[in-house]
PDB file of all heavy atoms in Angstrom:
ATOM      1  N   ASP A   1     -25.151  39.404  -3.560  1.00  0.00           N
ATOM      2  CA  ASP A   1     -26.535  39.056  -3.215  1.00  0.00           C
ATOM      3  C   ASP A   1     -27.525  40.120  -3.659  1.00  0.00           C
ATOM      4  O   ASP A   1     -28.696  40.088  -3.292  1.00  0.00           O
ATOM      5  CB  ASP A   1     -26.660  38.852  -1.695  1.00  0.00           C
ATOM      6  CG  ASP A   1     -26.048  37.545  -1.240  1.00  0.00           C
ATOM      7  OD1 ASP A   1     -26.368  36.517  -1.836  1.00  0.00           O
ATOM      8  OD2 ASP A   1     -25.203  37.559  -0.306  1.00  0.00           O
ATOM      9  N   GLN A   2     -27.053  41.055  -4.472  1.00  0.00           N
ATOM     10  CA  GLN A   2     -27.920  42.083  -5.045  1.00  0.00           C
ATOM     11  C   GLN A   2     -28.105  41.834  -6.530  1.00  0.00           C
ATOM     12  O   GLN A   2     -27.248  41.262  -7.199  1.00  0.00           O
ATOM     13  CB  GLN A   2     -27.300  43.461  -4.839  1.00  0.00           C
ATOM     14  CG  GLN A   2     -27.043  43.836  -3.382  1.00  0.00           C
ATOM     15  CD  GLN A   2     -26.257  45.134  -3.262  1.00  0.00           C
ATOM     16  OE1 GLN A   2     -26.339  46.035  -4.090  1.00  0.00           O
ATOM     17  NE2 GLN A   2     -25.437  45.229  -2.205  1.00  0.00           N
ATOM     18  N   SER A   3     -29.260  42.263  -7.034  1.00  0.00           N
ATOM     19  CA  SER A   3     -29.494  42.213  -8.462  1.00  0.00           C
ATOM     20  C   SER A   3     -28.829  43.427  -9.118  1.00  0.00           C
ATOM     21  O   SER A   3     -28.785  44.499  -8.501  1.00  0.00           O
ATOM     22  CB  SER A   3     -30.995  42.231  -8.753  1.00  0.00           C
ATOM     23  OG  SER A   3     -31.238  42.520 -10.120  1.00  0.00           O
ATOM     24  N   PRO A   4     -28.302  43.291 -10.327  1.00  0.00           N
ATOM     25  CA  PRO A   4     -27.722  44.448 -11.012  1.00  0.00           C
ATOM     26  C   PRO A   4     -28.706  45.593 -11.179  1.00  0.00           C
ATOM     27  O   PRO A   4     -28.306  46.743 -11.369  1.00  0.00           O
ATOM     28  CB  PRO A   4     -27.319  43.873 -12.381  1.00  0.00           C
ATOM     29  CG  PRO A   4     -27.122  42.424 -12.148  1.00  0.00           C
ATOM     30  CD  PRO A   4     -28.131  42.046 -11.107  1.00  0.00           C
ATOM     31  N   ARG A   5     -29.991  45.311 -11.093  1.00  0.00           N
ATOM     32  CA  ARG A   5     -31.027  46.336 -11.241  1.00  0.00           C
ATOM     33  C   ARG A   5     -31.338  47.048  -9.921  1.00  0.00           C
ATOM     34  O   ARG A   5     -32.041  48.053  -9.918  1.00  0.00           O
ATOM     35  CB  ARG A   5     -32.312  45.731 -11.793  1.00  0.00           C
ATOM     36  CG  ARG A   5     -32.184  45.177 -13.211  1.00  0.00           C
ATOM     37  CD  ARG A   5     -33.454  44.443 -13.629  1.00  0.00           C
ATOM     38  NE  ARG A   5     -33.341  43.918 -14.971  1.00  0.00           N
ATOM     39  CZ  ARG A   5     -33.839  44.509 -16.060  1.00  0.00           C
ATOM     40  NH1 ARG A   5     -34.488  45.669 -15.922  1.00  0.00           N
ATOM     41  NH2 ARG A   5     -33.722  43.979 -17.266  1.00  0.00           N
ATOM     42  N   ASP A   6     -30.853  46.503  -8.822  1.00  0.00           N
ATOM     43  CA  ASP A   6     -31.199  47.069  -7.511  1.00  0.00           C
ATOM     44  C   ASP A   6     -30.536  48.429  -7.289  1.00  0.00           C
ATOM     45  O   ASP A   6     -29.359  48.623  -7.595  1.00  0.00           O
ATOM     46  CB  ASP A   6     -30.753  46.113  -6.369  1.00  0.00           C
ATOM     47  CG  ASP A   6     -31.666  44.918  -6.233  1.00  0.00           C
ATOM     48  OD1 ASP A   6     -32.818  45.008  -6.666  1.00  0.00           O
ATOM     49  OD2 ASP A   6     -31.219  43.904  -5.664  1.00  0.00           O
ATOM     50  N   LYS A   7     -31.321  49.338  -6.764  1.00  0.00           N
ATOM     51  CA  LYS A   7     -30.811  50.661  -6.363  1.00  0.00           C
ATOM     52  C   LYS A   7     -31.449  50.983  -5.013  1.00  0.00           C
ATOM     53  O   LYS A   7     -32.669  50.896  -4.866  1.00  0.00           O
ATOM     54  CB  LYS A   7     -31.161  51.744  -7.405  1.00  0.00           C
ATOM     55  CG  LYS A   7     -30.494  51.525  -8.752  1.00  0.00           C
ATOM     56  CD  LYS A   7     -30.933  52.614  -9.734  1.00  0.00           C
ATOM     57  CE  LYS A   7     -30.252  52.407 -11.090  1.00  0.00           C
ATOM     58  NZ  LYS A   7     -30.616  51.131 -11.728  1.00  0.00           N
ATOM     59  N   PHE A   8     -30.634  51.328  -4.031  1.00  0.00           N
ATOM     60  CA  PHE A   8     -31.134  51.509  -2.672  1.00  0.00           C
ATOM     61  C   PHE A   8     -30.810  52.886  -2.136  1.00  0.00           C
ATOM     62  O   PHE A   8     -29.795  53.503  -2.484  1.00  0.00           O
ATOM     63  CB  PHE A   8     -30.529  50.459  -1.719  1.00  0.00           C
ATOM     64  CG  PHE A   8     -30.757  49.034  -2.152  1.00  0.00           C
ATOM     65  CD1 PHE A   8     -29.711  48.279  -2.639  1.00  0.00           C
ATOM     66  CD2 PHE A   8     -32.016  48.468  -2.090  1.00  0.00           C
ATOM     67  CE1 PHE A   8     -29.904  46.955  -3.055  1.00  0.00           C
ATOM     68  CE2 PHE A   8     -32.243  47.161  -2.490  1.00  0.00           C
ATOM     69  CZ  PHE A   8     -31.178  46.406  -2.971  1.00  0.00           C
ATOM     70  N   LYS A   9     -31.684  53.342  -1.237  1.00  0.00           N
ATOM     71  CA  LYS A   9     -31.456  54.575  -0.473  1.00  0.00           C
ATOM     72  C   LYS A   9     -31.735  54.274   0.997  1.00  0.00           C
ATOM     73  O   LYS A   9     -32.545  53.394   1.324  1.00  0.00           O
ATOM     74  CB  LYS A   9     -32.389  55.698  -0.939  1.00  0.00           C
ATOM     75  CG  LYS A   9     -32.242  56.109  -2.403  1.00  0.00           C
ATOM     76  CD  LYS A   9     -33.000  57.370  -2.733  1.00  0.00           C
ATOM     77  CE  LYS A   9     -34.487  57.236  -2.431  1.00  0.00           C
ATOM     78  NZ  LYS A   9     -35.154  56.263  -3.297  1.00  0.00           N
ATOM     79  N   VAL A  10     -31.048  55.007   1.875  1.00  0.00           N
ATOM     80  CA  VAL A  10     -31.278  54.837   3.313  1.00  0.00           C
ATOM     81  C   VAL A  10     -32.751  55.151   3.589  1.00  0.00           C
ATOM     82  O   VAL A  10     -33.296  56.161   3.125  1.00  0.00           O
ATOM     83  CB  VAL A  10     -30.366  55.773   4.125  1.00  0.00           C
ATOM     84  CG1 VAL A  10     -30.731  55.707   5.602  1.00  0.00           C
ATOM     85  CG2 VAL A  10     -28.913  55.383   3.914  1.00  0.00           C
ATOM     86  N   GLY A  11     -33.400  54.259   4.347  1.00  0.00           N
ATOM     87  CA  GLY A  11     -34.808  54.421   4.673  1.00  0.00           C
ATOM     88  C   GLY A  11     -35.716  53.596   3.805  1.00  0.00           C
ATOM     89  O   GLY A  11     -36.920  53.451   4.119  1.00  0.00           O
ATOM     90  N   ASP A  12     -35.207  53.035   2.698  1.00  0.00           N
ATOM     91  CA  ASP A  12     -36.025  52.203   1.820  1.00  0.00           C
ATOM     92  C   ASP A  12     -36.462  50.936   2.540  1.00  0.00           C
ATOM     93  O   ASP A  12     -35.688  50.327   3.274  1.00  0.00           O
ATOM     94  CB  ASP A  12     -35.247  51.790   0.566  1.00  0.00           C
ATOM     95  CG  ASP A  12     -35.117  52.916  -0.447  1.00  0.00           C
ATOM     96  OD1 ASP A  12     -35.784  53.960  -0.257  1.00  0.00           O
ATOM     97  OD2 ASP A  12     -34.335  52.766  -1.409  1.00  0.00           O
ATOM     98  N   LYS A  13     -37.701  50.530   2.313  1.00  0.00           N
ATOM     99  CA  LYS A  13     -38.182  49.239   2.801  1.00  0.00           C
ATOM    100  C   LYS A  13     -38.077  48.260   1.640  1.00  0.00           C
ATOM    101  O   LYS A  13     -38.657  48.499   0.568  1.00  0.00           O
ATOM    102  CB  LYS A  13     -39.618  49.328   3.295  1.00  0.00           C
ATOM    103  CG  LYS A  13     -39.746  50.057   4.630  1.00  0.00           C
ATOM    104  CD  LYS A  13     -41.157  49.977   5.181  1.00  0.00           C
ATOM    105  CE  LYS A  13     -41.246  50.632   6.557  1.00  0.00           C
ATOM    106  NZ  LYS A  13     -42.620  50.545   7.124  1.00  0.00           N
ATOM    107  N   ILE A  14     -37.339  47.192   1.834  1.00  0.00           N
ATOM    108  CA  ILE A  14     -37.092  46.225   0.765  1.00  0.00           C
ATOM    109  C   ILE A  14     -37.391  44.813   1.228  1.00  0.00           C
ATOM    110  O   ILE A  14     -37.359  44.508   2.418  1.00  0.00           O
ATOM    111  CB  ILE A  14     -35.635  46.309   0.245  1.00  0.00           C
ATOM    112  CG1 ILE A  14     -34.651  45.930   1.364  1.00  0.00           C
ATOM    113  CG2 ILE A  14     -35.317  47.700  -0.291  1.00  0.00           C
ATOM    114  CD1 ILE A  14     -33.209  45.790   0.894  1.00  0.00           C
ATOM    115  N   LYS A  15     -37.680  43.941   0.267  1.00  0.00           N
ATOM    116  CA  LYS A  15     -37.864  42.520   0.546  1.00  0.00           C
ATOM    117  C   LYS A  15     -36.544  41.800   0.323  1.00  0.00           C
ATOM    118  O   LYS A  15     -35.826  42.077  -0.641  1.00  0.00           O
ATOM    119  CB  LYS A  15     -38.954  41.922  -0.341  1.00  0.00           C
ATOM    120  CG  LYS A  15     -40.361  42.407  -0.042  1.00  0.00           C
ATOM    121  CD  LYS A  15     -41.361  41.696  -0.940  1.00  0.00           C
ATOM    122  CE  LYS A  15     -42.793  42.117  -0.604  1.00  0.00           C
ATOM    123  NZ  LYS A  15     -43.042  43.542  -0.933  1.00  0.00           N
ATOM    124  N   VAL A  16     -36.227  40.861   1.213  1.00  0.00           N
ATOM    125  CA  VAL A  16     -35.020  40.040   1.060  1.00  0.00           C
ATOM    126  C   VAL A  16     -35.374  38.591   1.388  1.00  0.00           C
ATOM    127  O   VAL A  16     -36.310  38.302   2.115  1.00  0.00           O
ATOM    128  CB  VAL A  16     -33.872  40.520   1.969  1.00  0.00           C
ATOM    129  CG1 VAL A  16     -33.433  41.927   1.611  1.00  0.00           C
ATOM    130  CG2 VAL A  16     -34.267  40.446   3.447  1.00  0.00           C
ATOM    131  N   TYR A  17     -34.584  37.702   0.818  1.00  0.00           N
ATOM    132  CA  TYR A  17     -34.730  36.272   1.105  1.00  0.00           C
ATOM    133  C   TYR A  17     -33.698  35.884   2.154  1.00  0.00           C
ATOM    134  O   TYR A  17     -32.508  36.172   2.027  1.00  0.00           O
ATOM    135  CB  TYR A  17     -34.509  35.471  -0.184  1.00  0.00           C
ATOM    136  CG  TYR A  17     -34.407  33.969   0.015  1.00  0.00           C
ATOM    137  CD1 TYR A  17     -35.484  33.232   0.450  1.00  0.00           C
ATOM    138  CD2 TYR A  17     -33.189  33.305  -0.217  1.00  0.00           C
ATOM    139  CE1 TYR A  17     -35.384  31.861   0.626  1.00  0.00           C
ATOM    140  CE2 TYR A  17     -33.086  31.950  -0.053  1.00  0.00           C
ATOM    141  CZ  TYR A  17     -34.179  31.218   0.367  1.00  0.00           C
ATOM    142  OH  TYR A  17     -34.073  29.865   0.581  1.00  0.00           O
ATOM    143  N   VAL A  18     -34.152  35.217   3.228  1.00  0.00           N
ATOM    144  CA  VAL A  18     -33.258  34.790   4.306  1.00  0.00           C
ATOM    145  C   VAL A  18     -32.677  33.422   3.938  1.00  0.00           C
ATOM    146  O   VAL A  18     -33.351  32.411   4.030  1.00  0.00           O
ATOM    147  CB  VAL A  18     -33.986  34.731   5.654  1.00  0.00           C
ATOM    148  CG1 VAL A  18     -33.017  34.322   6.768  1.00  0.00           C
ATOM    149  CG2 VAL A  18     -34.628  36.079   5.980  1.00  0.00           C
ATOM    150  N   LYS A  19     -31.400  33.415   3.533  1.00  0.00           N
ATOM    151  CA  LYS A  19     -30.748  32.168   3.139  1.00  0.00           C
ATOM    152  C   LYS A  19     -30.361  31.328   4.342  1.00  0.00           C
ATOM    153  O   LYS A  19     -30.535  30.109   4.353  1.00  0.00           O
ATOM    154  CB  LYS A  19     -29.509  32.474   2.311  1.00  0.00           C
ATOM    155  CG  LYS A  19     -29.772  33.070   0.952  1.00  0.00           C
ATOM    156  CD  LYS A  19     -28.576  32.927   0.031  1.00  0.00           C
ATOM    157  CE  LYS A  19     -27.381  33.706   0.546  1.00  0.00           C
ATOM    158  NZ  LYS A  19     -26.235  33.681  -0.415  1.00  0.00           N
ATOM    159  N   LYS A  20     -29.822  31.987   5.385  1.00  0.00           N
ATOM    160  CA  LYS A  20     -29.287  31.230   6.515  1.00  0.00           C
ATOM    161  C   LYS A  20     -29.225  32.112   7.748  1.00  0.00           C
ATOM    162  O   LYS A  20     -28.981  33.299   7.671  1.00  0.00           O
ATOM    163  CB  LYS A  20     -27.864  30.731   6.161  1.00  0.00           C
ATOM    164  CG  LYS A  20     -27.256  29.760   7.142  1.00  0.00           C
ATOM    165  CD  LYS A  20     -27.879  28.369   7.024  1.00  0.00           C
ATOM    166  CE  LYS A  20     -27.196  27.358   7.937  1.00  0.00           C
ATOM    167  NZ  LYS A  20     -27.833  26.044   7.867  1.00  0.00           N
ATOM    168  N   ILE A  21     -29.430  31.505   8.892  1.00  0.00           N
ATOM    169  CA  ILE A  21     -29.241  32.154  10.193  1.00  0.00           C
ATOM    170  C   ILE A  21     -28.153  31.388  10.933  1.00  0.00           C
ATOM    171  O   ILE A  21     -28.276  30.200  11.182  1.00  0.00           O
ATOM    172  CB  ILE A  21     -30.524  32.172  11.049  1.00  0.00           C
ATOM    173  CG1 ILE A  21     -31.702  32.753  10.272  1.00  0.00           C
ATOM    174  CG2 ILE A  21     -30.291  32.934  12.344  1.00  0.00           C
ATOM    175  CD1 ILE A  21     -31.593  34.213   9.976  1.00  0.00           C
ATOM    176  N   LYS A  22     -27.041  32.097  11.251  1.00  0.00           N
ATOM    177  CA  LYS A  22     -25.953  31.442  11.965  1.00  0.00           C
ATOM    178  C   LYS A  22     -25.750  32.082  13.338  1.00  0.00           C
ATOM    179  O   LYS A  22     -25.797  33.315  13.452  1.00  0.00           O
ATOM    180  CB  LYS A  22     -24.654  31.602  11.169  1.00  0.00           C
ATOM    181  CG  LYS A  22     -24.608  30.872   9.835  1.00  0.00           C
ATOM    182  CD  LYS A  22     -23.252  31.078   9.173  1.00  0.00           C
ATOM    183  CE  LYS A  22     -23.134  30.337   7.869  1.00  0.00           C
ATOM    184  NZ  LYS A  22     -21.825  30.580   7.219  1.00  0.00           N
ATOM    185  N   PRO A  23     -25.540  31.263  14.373  1.00  0.00           N
ATOM    186  CA  PRO A  23     -25.184  31.868  15.670  1.00  0.00           C
ATOM    187  C   PRO A  23     -23.788  32.445  15.609  1.00  0.00           C
ATOM    188  O   PRO A  23     -22.889  31.897  14.940  1.00  0.00           O
ATOM    189  CB  PRO A  23     -25.265  30.669  16.625  1.00  0.00           C
ATOM    190  CG  PRO A  23     -25.063  29.467  15.780  1.00  0.00           C
ATOM    191  CD  PRO A  23     -25.617  29.805  14.417  1.00  0.00           C
ATOM    192  N   GLY A  24     -23.558  33.555  16.294  1.00  0.00           N
ATOM    193  CA  GLY A  24     -22.226  34.180  16.300  1.00  0.00           C
ATOM    194  C   GLY A  24     -21.904  34.763  17.650  1.00  0.00           C
ATOM    195  O   GLY A  24     -22.770  34.847  18.533  1.00  0.00           O
ATOM    196  N   HIS A  25     -20.645  35.175  17.842  1.00  0.00           N
ATOM    197  CA  HIS A  25     -20.193  35.726  19.126  1.00  0.00           C
ATOM    198  C   HIS A  25     -20.902  37.040  19.430  1.00  0.00           C
ATOM    199  O   HIS A  25     -21.134  37.385  20.597  1.00  0.00           O
ATOM    200  CB  HIS A  25     -18.681  35.926  19.108  1.00  0.00           C
ATOM    201  CG  HIS A  25     -17.911  34.649  18.986  1.00  0.00           C
ATOM    202  ND1 HIS A  25     -17.982  33.644  19.919  1.00  0.00           N
ATOM    203  CD2 HIS A  25     -17.065  34.209  18.015  1.00  0.00           C
ATOM    204  CE1 HIS A  25     -17.203  32.636  19.533  1.00  0.00           C
ATOM    205  NE2 HIS A  25     -16.631  32.961  18.373  1.00  0.00           N
ATOM    206  N   LYS A  26     -21.217  37.806  18.398  1.00  0.00           N
ATOM    207  CA  LYS A  26     -21.862  39.099  18.596  1.00  0.00           C
ATOM    208  C   LYS A  26     -23.343  39.066  18.253  1.00  0.00           C
ATOM    209  O   LYS A  26     -23.947  40.057  17.910  1.00  0.00           O
ATOM    210  CB  LYS A  26     -21.162  40.159  17.730  1.00  0.00           C
ATOM    211  CG  LYS A  26     -19.715  40.400  18.108  1.00  0.00           C
ATOM    212  CD  LYS A  26     -19.085  41.480  17.247  1.00  0.00           C
ATOM    213  CE  LYS A  26     -17.647  41.740  17.653  1.00  0.00           C
ATOM    214  NZ  LYS A  26     -17.018  42.810  16.831  1.00  0.00           N
ATOM    215  N   GLY A  27     -23.921  37.870  18.342  1.00  0.00           N
ATOM    216  CA  GLY A  27     -25.334  37.705  18.027  1.00  0.00           C
ATOM    217  C   GLY A  27     -25.499  36.937  16.738  1.00  0.00           C
ATOM    218  O   GLY A  27     -24.534  36.610  16.033  1.00  0.00           O
TER     219      GLY A  27
END
């Protein structure tokens, strides 16, 4: 789900597309 061009560091603010929300046992 990442682009080959993506590079991330902890603390970065990034945009993401929400594909699906599923209920789960842990939330």
